[in-house]
């Protein structure tokens, strides 16, 4: 599904022509073919979108909460009516297998909007404490910068709570995967979002993203992407003392305790690592197993990897598609080579494309064993289907190695309930999953350390887009 408005921006309630003429091709990573062109914005395009959001803020933020919730319900209704369009767009622009695009990528946008609505209805928006009235209100104009790897997940978890909170906004989707972002702007228009409340400008980070982050009329930047880019956003935002909420990189540990069901724990960890072609910031890419079970774990992991079906994203039997781009493919290949050079045991996969594949950015599902925590593949975020398995002698050692990272987005623990809970409390990560639970879209999602700040999902996301006002001397409510 290629939207009709890729060469326009959505500003002040209308599709408008860019002020400049720069365009780039949108590549299908499964075929390396250019399937569309997208306009790239300039600083001037960002400026006019931001000023439209500023002009709309006072009236929109005064809109009753019930009306804002009703608006987001209309967005959800239109989203659901275009559900298959979103799935097809994300399969085309980022190579997601079509069943994954439907069941995970498009579903993520739907469920986050639903969860935000529920949280808004349950949230206490103002209350009295003694003689003071505490009020939550929208922070202002928000710059929303989203990535290519989970397009609707990140757009929905920013736009829905911002709308609920009473904010106005400018969205910059990733220029690598702009189809779904443009579709989202179309559904906001169809749902009747008031002019200037939601705006969208395509463009790259160094130009449009930098201008949005530094603009004096922007009150908050919500950014999802790499830690490197996140530091640039924070630096640009600092002179105007904006609020900055960031969800950045990760190198998530998966500790398999001695009492775990080894086959289920290892197989589940392989599946979690390889999902979305390994292009998830919270993927469990470092698996820690008891040393006495290491060789058995490698055998189980190899079997799980062999069950992965790499191929055409349009084929419903495919479970792993390509990496998103040549740049991502080259990075992953270099890190696989680094793992081999540094002495890790290559269990399966390795450099190059899968056998019989001669085009598209397809990587081989790769597992390394006998990894030590100082190896590059245990330190750097690979963002591809590469799993590092590290043996440990004691649980204390596993916890220490798991925490020995600049990242802290997510972590995983498998084992008996009481032990898993105890280990989970010791891990320095924003979200710790015990025994592969279902995705909880009401749980706070965000990182410690260089994995970011702030929290997304449902009520946590709404709070991030709110200021807290105290009316002291308010008296009886």
Protein backbone atom coordinates (compact mmCIF):
# COMPACT_ATOMS: atom_id res chain seq x y z
CA UNK A 1 0.00 0.00 0.00
CA UNK A 2 1.66 3.21 -1.20
CA UNK A 3 -0.16 6.33 0.04
CA UNK A 4 -0.98 9.10 -2.40
CA UNK A 5 0.52 11.88 -0.28
CA UNK A 6 4.17 10.82 -0.03
CA UNK A 7 5.32 13.95 -1.83
CA UNK A 8 3.35 16.25 0.50
CA UNK A 9 3.36 17.12 4.20
CA UNK A 10 0.36 17.35 6.50
CA UNK A 11 0.35 20.84 8.06
CA UNK A 12 -2.48 22.81 9.64
CA UNK A 13 -5.15 20.35 8.56
CA UNK A 14 -4.16 20.10 4.89
CA UNK A 15 -1.77 18.28 2.56
CA UNK A 16 0.74 20.87 1.37
CA UNK A 17 3.67 20.93 -1.02
CA UNK A 18 7.16 21.02 0.49
CA UNK A 19 9.03 24.30 0.33
CA UNK A 20 12.02 22.51 -1.21
CA UNK A 21 12.36 19.88 -3.90
CA UNK A 22 14.51 17.19 -2.30
CA UNK A 23 13.28 13.61 -2.54
CA UNK A 24 14.63 10.14 -1.80
CA UNK A 25 13.58 6.71 -2.93
CA UNK A 26 11.72 4.29 -0.69
CA UNK A 27 13.32 0.86 -1.07
CA UNK A 28 11.71 -2.53 -0.73
CA UNK A 29 14.50 -4.24 1.24
CA UNK A 30 13.41 -7.68 0.05
CA UNK A 31 14.10 -6.82 -3.59
CA UNK A 32 16.33 -3.71 -3.43
CA UNK A 33 13.84 -2.02 -5.76
CA UNK A 34 12.71 1.58 -5.33
CA UNK A 35 8.94 1.42 -4.94
CA UNK A 36 8.16 5.10 -4.28
CA UNK A 37 9.61 8.51 -3.61
CA UNK A 38 9.18 10.59 -0.46
CA UNK A 39 9.72 14.32 -0.09
CA UNK A 40 12.38 15.42 2.39
CA UNK A 41 11.54 18.50 4.40
CA UNK A 42 13.65 21.54 5.21
CA UNK A 43 14.00 23.64 8.33
CA UNK A 44 11.40 25.97 6.85
CA UNK A 45 8.93 23.06 6.51
CA UNK A 46 9.52 22.14 10.15
CA UNK A 47 9.02 25.77 11.16
CA UNK A 48 5.63 26.12 9.54
CA UNK A 49 4.42 22.84 11.05
CA UNK A 50 5.61 23.89 14.51
CA UNK A 51 3.95 27.30 14.20
CA UNK A 52 0.69 25.62 13.14
CA UNK A 53 0.87 23.44 16.25
CA UNK A 54 1.57 26.47 18.41
CA UNK A 55 -1.40 28.37 16.98
CA UNK A 56 -3.71 25.41 17.69
CA UNK A 57 -2.54 24.70 21.22
CA UNK A 58 -4.58 27.12 23.35
CA UNK A 59 -7.93 26.09 21.92
CA UNK A 60 -7.16 22.37 21.77
CA UNK A 61 -5.78 22.04 25.28
CA UNK A 62 -8.96 23.73 26.59
CA UNK A 63 -11.07 21.03 24.92
CA UNK A 64 -12.84 18.88 27.54
CA UNK A 65 -11.15 15.57 28.28
CA UNK A 66 -14.23 13.63 27.15
CA UNK A 67 -13.97 15.28 23.74
CA UNK A 68 -10.28 14.46 23.45
CA UNK A 69 -10.96 10.83 24.33
CA UNK A 70 -13.75 10.75 21.74
CA UNK A 71 -11.34 12.13 19.15
CA UNK A 72 -8.81 9.36 19.82
CA UNK A 73 -11.65 6.82 19.58
CA UNK A 74 -12.39 8.14 16.08
CA UNK A 75 -8.69 7.80 15.20
CA UNK A 76 -8.88 4.18 16.37
CA UNK A 77 -11.99 3.51 14.30
CA UNK A 78 -10.37 4.84 11.14
CA UNK A 79 -7.14 2.98 11.95
CA UNK A 80 -9.08 -0.26 12.20
CA UNK A 81 -10.76 0.42 8.85
CA UNK A 82 -7.30 0.78 7.24
CA UNK A 83 -5.67 -2.04 9.21
CA UNK A 84 -4.67 -4.12 6.19
CA UNK A 85 -3.26 -1.03 4.47
CA UNK A 86 -0.93 -0.50 7.43
CA UNK A 87 0.16 -4.15 7.41
CA UNK A 88 0.90 -4.06 3.69
CA UNK A 89 2.76 -0.76 3.94
CA UNK A 90 5.04 -1.95 6.73
CA UNK A 91 5.71 -5.23 4.98
CA UNK A 92 6.76 -3.30 1.89
CA UNK A 93 8.81 -0.52 3.50
CA UNK A 94 10.70 -2.53 6.14
CA UNK A 95 10.42 -6.10 4.93
CA UNK A 96 8.24 -7.43 7.74
CA UNK A 97 6.76 -10.85 6.88
CA UNK A 98 3.11 -10.24 6.09
CA UNK A 99 1.77 -12.34 8.97
CA UNK A 100 4.12 -10.54 11.37
CA UNK A 101 3.08 -7.21 9.87
CA UNK A 102 -0.55 -8.04 10.58
CA UNK A 103 -0.15 -9.76 13.94
CA UNK A 104 2.57 -7.60 15.49
CA UNK A 105 3.35 -4.42 13.57
CA UNK A 106 -0.17 -3.23 12.68
CA UNK A 107 -1.58 -4.75 15.87
CA UNK A 108 0.85 -2.69 17.96
CA UNK A 109 -0.62 0.56 16.70
CA UNK A 110 -4.14 -0.66 17.39
CA UNK A 111 -3.48 -1.96 20.90
CA UNK A 112 -1.55 1.13 22.01
CA UNK A 113 -4.39 3.42 20.99
CA UNK A 114 -6.85 1.16 22.81
CA UNK A 115 -4.69 1.05 25.95
CA UNK A 116 -4.23 4.82 25.96
CA UNK A 117 -7.98 5.37 25.79
CA UNK A 118 -8.56 2.99 28.70
CA UNK A 119 -5.81 4.63 30.75
CA UNK A 120 -7.22 8.10 30.06
CA UNK A 121 -10.63 7.04 31.35
CA UNK A 122 -9.09 5.59 34.51
CA UNK A 123 -6.59 8.38 35.21
CA UNK A 124 -7.16 10.88 38.03
CA UNK A 125 -6.59 14.17 36.22
CA UNK A 126 -6.91 16.43 39.25
CA UNK A 127 -7.29 16.02 42.99
CA UNK A 128 -6.91 17.92 46.25
CA UNK A 129 -4.18 17.46 48.80
CA UNK A 130 -4.98 19.63 51.77
CA UNK A 131 -5.46 23.19 50.60
CA UNK A 132 -3.83 22.52 47.20
CA UNK A 133 -5.40 21.34 43.96
CA UNK A 134 -3.12 19.17 41.79
CA UNK A 135 -3.86 19.33 38.07
CA UNK A 136 -2.39 17.45 35.09
CA UNK A 137 -2.46 19.39 31.84
CA UNK A 138 -0.85 19.14 28.40
CA UNK A 139 2.75 20.29 28.24
CA UNK A 140 2.37 22.17 24.93
CA UNK A 141 3.78 21.69 21.44
CA UNK A 142 5.50 18.33 21.06
CA UNK A 143 8.05 17.15 18.51
CA UNK A 144 7.60 13.42 17.90
CA UNK A 145 10.49 11.64 16.16
CA UNK A 146 9.91 7.96 15.42
CA UNK A 147 12.01 5.07 14.01
CA UNK A 148 11.63 2.62 11.15
CA UNK A 149 11.73 -0.69 13.06
CA UNK A 150 8.33 -0.51 14.82
CA UNK A 151 6.63 2.33 12.93
CA UNK A 152 3.07 2.10 14.26
CA UNK A 153 4.12 0.99 17.72
CA UNK A 154 6.09 4.19 18.22
CA UNK A 155 3.76 6.57 16.40
CA UNK A 156 0.73 5.32 18.34
CA UNK A 157 2.51 5.41 21.69
CA UNK A 158 3.39 9.06 21.13
CA UNK A 159 0.47 10.53 19.20
CA UNK A 160 -2.37 8.93 21.20
CA UNK A 161 -1.19 10.08 24.67
CA UNK A 162 -0.23 13.51 23.33
CA UNK A 163 -3.73 13.97 21.91
CA UNK A 164 -5.30 12.76 25.15
CA UNK A 165 -3.13 15.07 27.27
CA UNK A 166 -4.19 18.11 25.23
CA UNK A 167 -0.95 18.65 23.35
CA UNK A 168 -0.44 19.68 19.75
CA UNK A 169 2.34 18.07 17.77
CA UNK A 170 4.59 17.62 14.76
CA UNK A 171 5.46 14.06 13.78
CA UNK A 172 8.61 13.17 11.87
CA UNK A 173 8.48 9.49 10.88
CA UNK A 174 11.62 7.75 9.70
CA UNK A 175 12.42 8.63 6.11
CA UNK A 176 13.44 4.98 5.63
CA UNK A 177 9.91 3.75 6.35
CA UNK A 178 7.59 6.67 5.55
CA UNK A 179 4.63 4.83 4.04
CA UNK A 180 2.96 3.93 7.33
CA UNK A 181 3.60 7.38 8.80
CA UNK A 182 1.86 9.02 5.85
CA UNK A 183 -1.05 6.60 6.21
CA UNK A 184 -1.32 7.60 9.86
CA UNK A 185 -1.56 11.27 8.89
CA UNK A 186 -4.33 10.32 6.47
CA UNK A 187 -6.34 8.60 9.20
CA UNK A 188 -5.90 11.58 11.55
CA UNK A 189 -7.34 13.81 8.84
CA UNK A 190 -10.25 11.43 8.21
CA UNK A 191 -10.93 11.16 11.95
CA UNK A 192 -11.34 14.92 12.15
CA UNK A 193 -8.35 15.91 14.24
CA UNK A 194 -8.63 19.73 14.42
CA UNK A 195 -6.35 21.70 12.12
CA UNK A 196 -2.89 22.31 13.53
CA UNK A 197 -3.25 19.74 16.33
CA UNK A 198 -1.49 16.96 14.40
CA UNK A 199 1.10 17.82 11.76
CA UNK A 200 3.55 15.61 9.88
CA UNK A 201 6.76 16.47 8.05
CA UNK A 202 9.00 13.85 6.47
CA UNK A 203 12.73 14.45 6.51
CA UNK A 204 16.03 13.35 7.93
CA UNK A 205 17.33 13.73 11.45
CA UNK A 206 20.17 16.21 10.87
CA UNK A 207 17.81 18.71 9.19
CA UNK A 208 14.17 18.30 10.23
CA UNK A 209 14.84 16.38 13.44
CA UNK A 210 17.45 18.87 14.57
CA UNK A 211 15.18 21.84 13.86
CA UNK A 212 12.29 20.26 15.73
CA UNK A 213 14.54 19.50 18.70
CA UNK A 214 15.93 23.03 18.93
CA UNK A 215 12.91 25.16 17.97
CA UNK A 216 11.96 27.61 20.73
CA UNK A 217 8.22 27.01 20.18
CA UNK A 218 8.56 23.28 20.94
CA UNK A 219 7.96 22.39 24.60
CA UNK A 220 8.82 18.69 24.49
CA UNK A 221 10.69 16.25 22.28
CA UNK A 222 9.74 12.57 22.34
CA UNK A 223 12.39 10.60 20.46
CA UNK A 224 12.87 6.91 19.73
CA UNK A 225 16.05 5.80 18.00
CA UNK A 226 19.72 5.15 18.57
CA UNK A 227 21.61 6.34 21.62
CA UNK A 228 23.94 8.29 19.34
CA UNK A 229 21.06 10.21 17.78
CA UNK A 230 19.42 10.62 21.18
CA UNK A 231 22.41 12.49 22.55
CA UNK A 232 22.21 14.89 19.59
CA UNK A 233 18.50 15.48 20.27
CA UNK A 234 19.16 16.16 23.95
CA UNK A 235 21.97 18.59 23.12
CA UNK A 236 19.77 20.47 20.64
CA UNK A 237 16.93 20.68 23.16
CA UNK A 238 19.05 21.81 26.12
CA UNK A 239 19.35 25.57 25.37
CA UNK A 240 15.56 25.97 25.53
CA UNK A 241 15.18 23.59 28.51
CA UNK A 242 12.64 21.38 26.80
CA UNK A 243 11.41 18.19 28.31
CA UNK A 244 13.09 15.32 26.47
CA UNK A 245 11.70 11.79 26.61
CA UNK A 246 13.83 9.16 24.89
CA UNK A 247 13.67 5.46 24.17
CA UNK A 248 17.09 4.50 22.87
CA UNK A 249 19.31 1.49 22.30
CA UNK A 250 19.54 -1.77 24.18
CA UNK A 251 21.58 -4.92 24.68
CA UNK A 252 19.11 -6.92 26.69
CA UNK A 253 20.19 -9.83 28.85
CA UNK A 254 18.23 -13.07 29.08
CA UNK A 255 19.27 -15.03 32.18
CA UNK A 256 18.32 -18.70 32.12
CA UNK A 257 18.48 -19.94 35.71
CA UNK A 258 19.66 -23.45 36.59
CA UNK A 259 16.11 -24.52 37.46
CA UNK A 260 14.57 -23.38 34.18
CA UNK A 261 13.15 -25.70 31.55
CA UNK A 262 16.22 -25.44 29.33
CA UNK A 263 14.57 -26.41 26.05
CA UNK A 264 11.66 -23.99 26.47
CA UNK A 265 13.85 -21.18 27.82
CA UNK A 266 16.46 -21.39 25.06
CA UNK A 267 13.94 -21.84 22.24
CA UNK A 268 11.89 -18.92 23.53
CA UNK A 269 15.00 -16.79 23.74
CA UNK A 270 15.97 -17.56 20.14
CA UNK A 271 12.47 -16.68 18.98
CA UNK A 272 12.56 -13.42 20.95
CA UNK A 273 15.95 -12.45 19.58
CA UNK A 274 15.09 -13.21 15.95
CA UNK A 275 11.63 -11.62 15.95
CA UNK A 276 11.38 -8.60 13.64
CA UNK A 277 14.67 -9.81 12.08
CA UNK A 278 16.38 -8.86 15.35
CA UNK A 279 15.55 -5.20 14.75
CA UNK A 280 14.05 -4.46 18.17
CA UNK A 281 15.71 -2.33 20.82
CA UNK A 282 14.49 -4.66 23.58
CA UNK A 283 15.44 -7.93 21.85
CA UNK A 284 17.02 -10.50 24.22
CA UNK A 285 20.34 -10.60 22.39
CA UNK A 286 22.57 -11.81 25.27
CA UNK A 287 21.58 -15.22 26.63
CA UNK A 288 23.24 -16.31 29.87
CA UNK A 289 23.17 -20.05 30.56
CA UNK A 290 24.75 -22.17 33.34
CA UNK A 291 28.16 -23.35 32.15
CA UNK A 292 27.26 -27.01 32.73
CA UNK A 293 24.29 -26.57 30.38
CA UNK A 294 26.11 -24.49 27.77
CA UNK A 295 26.68 -27.18 25.17
CA UNK A 296 23.13 -28.47 25.49
CA UNK A 297 21.86 -24.90 25.13
CA UNK A 298 23.82 -24.47 21.90
CA UNK A 299 22.24 -27.59 20.45
CA UNK A 300 18.73 -26.43 21.39
CA UNK A 301 19.41 -22.95 20.00
CA UNK A 302 20.67 -24.35 16.70
CA UNK A 303 17.49 -26.39 16.35
CA UNK A 304 15.34 -23.34 17.03
CA UNK A 305 17.28 -21.31 14.47
CA UNK A 306 16.86 -24.05 11.87
CA UNK A 307 13.09 -23.66 12.17
CA UNK A 308 13.25 -19.99 11.09
CA UNK A 309 11.92 -19.51 7.55
CA UNK A 310 13.80 -16.67 5.84
CA UNK A 311 12.24 -15.49 2.62
CA UNK A 312 9.79 -13.36 0.70
CA UNK A 313 7.81 -11.18 3.14
CA UNK A 314 4.71 -11.64 0.98
CA UNK A 315 4.72 -15.40 1.63
CA UNK A 316 2.62 -16.25 4.69
CA UNK A 317 5.04 -19.09 5.52
CA UNK A 318 7.97 -16.66 5.96
CA UNK A 319 8.91 -15.95 9.57
CA UNK A 320 11.95 -13.71 8.97
CA UNK A 321 12.29 -11.03 6.35
CA UNK A 322 15.25 -8.90 5.35
CA UNK A 323 17.08 -6.24 7.27
CA UNK A 324 15.77 -2.79 6.46
CA UNK A 325 18.62 -1.45 4.32
CA UNK A 326 22.06 -1.99 2.83
CA UNK A 327 23.52 0.10 5.66
CA UNK A 328 21.93 -2.15 8.28
CA UNK A 329 22.99 -5.28 6.38
CA UNK A 330 26.61 -4.12 6.20
CA UNK A 331 26.66 -3.29 9.92
CA UNK A 332 25.32 -6.71 10.86
CA UNK A 333 27.76 -8.49 8.56
CA UNK A 334 30.70 -6.60 10.06
CA UNK A 335 29.67 -7.54 13.59
CA UNK A 336 29.24 -11.21 12.66
CA UNK A 337 32.76 -11.16 11.22
CA UNK A 338 33.95 -9.49 14.43
CA UNK A 339 32.42 -12.25 16.53
CA UNK A 340 34.28 -14.89 14.51
CA UNK A 341 37.55 -12.93 14.66
CA UNK A 342 37.33 -12.49 18.44
CA UNK A 343 36.99 -16.24 19.00
CA UNK A 344 33.31 -16.88 19.69
CA UNK A 345 32.00 -20.26 18.59
CA UNK A 346 29.83 -19.92 15.47
CA UNK A 347 26.94 -22.30 16.16
CA UNK A 348 24.91 -21.54 13.04
CA UNK A 349 24.50 -18.85 10.42
CA UNK A 350 27.46 -16.59 9.79
CA UNK A 351 28.35 -14.00 7.17
CA UNK A 352 26.49 -13.50 3.92
CA UNK A 353 22.97 -14.10 2.72
CA UNK A 354 21.11 -17.37 3.28
CA UNK A 355 21.78 -20.11 0.76
CA UNK A 356 20.01 -19.54 -2.55
CA UNK A 357 19.31 -15.85 -1.88
CA UNK A 358 21.09 -13.41 -4.20
CA UNK A 359 19.23 -10.15 -3.66
CA UNK A 360 17.56 -8.31 -0.80
CA UNK A 361 19.12 -7.48 2.55
CA UNK A 362 18.60 -10.93 4.04
CA UNK A 363 20.94 -12.04 6.82
CA UNK A 364 21.48 -15.56 8.07
CA UNK A 365 20.02 -16.29 11.53
CA UNK A 366 23.24 -16.45 13.52
CA UNK A 367 24.08 -17.83 16.96
CA UNK A 368 27.40 -17.60 18.78
CA UNK A 369 28.42 -19.68 21.79
CA UNK A 370 31.29 -19.40 24.28
CA UNK A 371 30.87 -15.62 24.18
CA UNK A 372 32.61 -13.58 26.85
CA UNK A 373 31.23 -10.30 28.09
CA UNK A 374 34.15 -8.30 26.70
CA UNK A 375 33.58 -9.37 23.08
CA UNK A 376 32.19 -6.79 20.67
CA UNK A 377 29.11 -8.90 19.95
CA UNK A 378 28.30 -8.85 23.69
CA UNK A 379 28.83 -5.10 24.01
CA UNK A 380 27.40 -3.43 20.90
CA UNK A 381 23.79 -3.35 19.76
CA UNK A 382 23.81 -5.38 16.53
CA UNK A 383 20.16 -4.83 15.50
CA UNK A 384 19.99 -7.99 13.49
CA UNK A 385 19.29 -11.73 13.94
CA UNK A 386 22.42 -12.44 15.98
CA UNK A 387 22.30 -14.14 19.40
CA UNK A 388 25.27 -14.29 21.78
CA UNK A 389 25.22 -17.12 24.35
CA UNK A 390 27.41 -16.57 27.42
CA UNK A 391 28.11 -19.29 30.01
CA UNK A 392 28.12 -18.47 33.73
CA UNK A 393 29.14 -20.32 36.90
CA UNK A 394 26.94 -18.62 39.52
CA UNK A 395 23.76 -16.58 39.39
CA UNK A 396 25.63 -13.70 41.01
CA UNK A 397 28.07 -13.78 38.09
CA UNK A 398 25.23 -13.83 35.57
CA UNK A 399 23.60 -10.81 37.21
CA UNK A 400 26.90 -8.93 37.28
CA UNK A 401 27.53 -9.60 33.58
CA UNK A 402 23.95 -8.73 32.66
CA UNK A 403 24.29 -5.36 34.40
CA UNK A 404 27.75 -4.70 32.92
CA UNK A 405 26.50 -2.69 29.96
CA UNK A 406 25.85 0.97 29.21
CA UNK A 407 22.28 0.00 28.28
CA UNK A 408 19.29 -0.76 30.47
CA UNK A 409 16.15 -0.94 28.38
CA UNK A 410 14.94 -4.47 28.98
CA UNK A 411 15.97 -7.77 30.55
CA UNK A 412 14.56 -11.28 30.77
CA UNK A 413 14.73 -14.06 33.38
CA UNK A 414 13.65 -17.70 32.99
CA UNK A 415 13.29 -20.07 35.92
CA UNK A 416 11.25 -20.95 39.00
CA UNK A 417 8.94 -18.11 39.97
CA UNK A 418 10.50 -17.07 43.29
CA UNK A 419 14.04 -17.18 41.92
CA UNK A 420 13.09 -15.33 38.74
CA UNK A 421 11.41 -12.59 40.78
CA UNK A 422 14.47 -12.21 43.00
CA UNK A 423 16.87 -11.98 40.05
CA UNK A 424 14.55 -9.59 38.22
CA UNK A 425 14.76 -7.13 41.11
CA UNK A 426 18.55 -7.07 40.77
CA UNK A 427 18.67 -6.24 37.06
CA UNK A 428 19.26 -2.60 36.07
CA UNK A 429 16.68 -2.34 33.32
CA UNK A 430 13.43 -0.47 32.87
CA UNK A 431 11.37 -3.54 32.01
CA UNK A 432 12.18 -7.08 33.15
CA UNK A 433 10.10 -9.95 31.73
CA UNK A 434 9.80 -13.13 33.77
CA UNK A 435 9.24 -16.42 31.94
CA UNK A 436 8.19 -14.91 28.61
CA UNK A 437 4.89 -13.24 29.58
CA UNK A 438 2.44 -11.76 27.11
CA UNK A 439 3.12 -8.21 25.94
CA UNK A 440 1.64 -5.83 28.54
CA UNK A 441 0.78 -2.50 26.93
CA UNK A 442 -0.14 -1.04 30.33
CA UNK A 443 3.34 -1.68 31.78
CA UNK A 444 5.79 1.24 31.70
CA UNK A 445 8.32 0.92 28.89
CA UNK A 446 11.60 2.82 28.94
CA UNK A 447 15.20 2.51 29.95
CA UNK A 448 17.87 2.99 32.56
CA UNK A 449 21.30 4.42 31.75
CA UNK A 450 21.98 5.09 28.05
CA UNK A 451 18.73 3.43 27.03
CA UNK A 452 16.87 6.66 27.67
CA UNK A 453 14.54 8.41 30.07
CA UNK A 454 10.80 8.76 30.48
CA UNK A 455 8.27 5.97 30.10
CA UNK A 456 5.81 5.08 27.35
CA UNK A 457 2.60 3.01 27.10
CA UNK A 458 -0.91 3.81 28.32
CA UNK A 459 -1.06 6.00 31.44
CA UNK A 460 2.71 6.23 31.68
CA UNK A 461 2.79 7.84 28.25
CA UNK A 462 0.02 10.26 29.14
CA UNK A 463 1.94 11.41 32.22
CA UNK A 464 5.03 12.08 30.10
CA UNK A 465 3.04 14.56 27.99
CA UNK A 466 1.63 16.40 31.01
CA UNK A 467 2.77 19.24 33.21
CA UNK A 468 1.78 19.15 36.89
CA UNK A 469 0.22 22.33 38.24
CA UNK A 470 -0.40 23.08 41.92
CA UNK A 471 -3.13 25.59 42.78
CA UNK A 472 -2.08 26.42 46.35
CA UNK A 473 -4.81 27.96 48.51
CA UNK A 474 -7.50 26.38 46.33
CA UNK A 475 -9.59 25.43 49.31
CA UNK A 476 -12.34 22.84 49.31
CA UNK A 477 -12.80 21.00 46.02
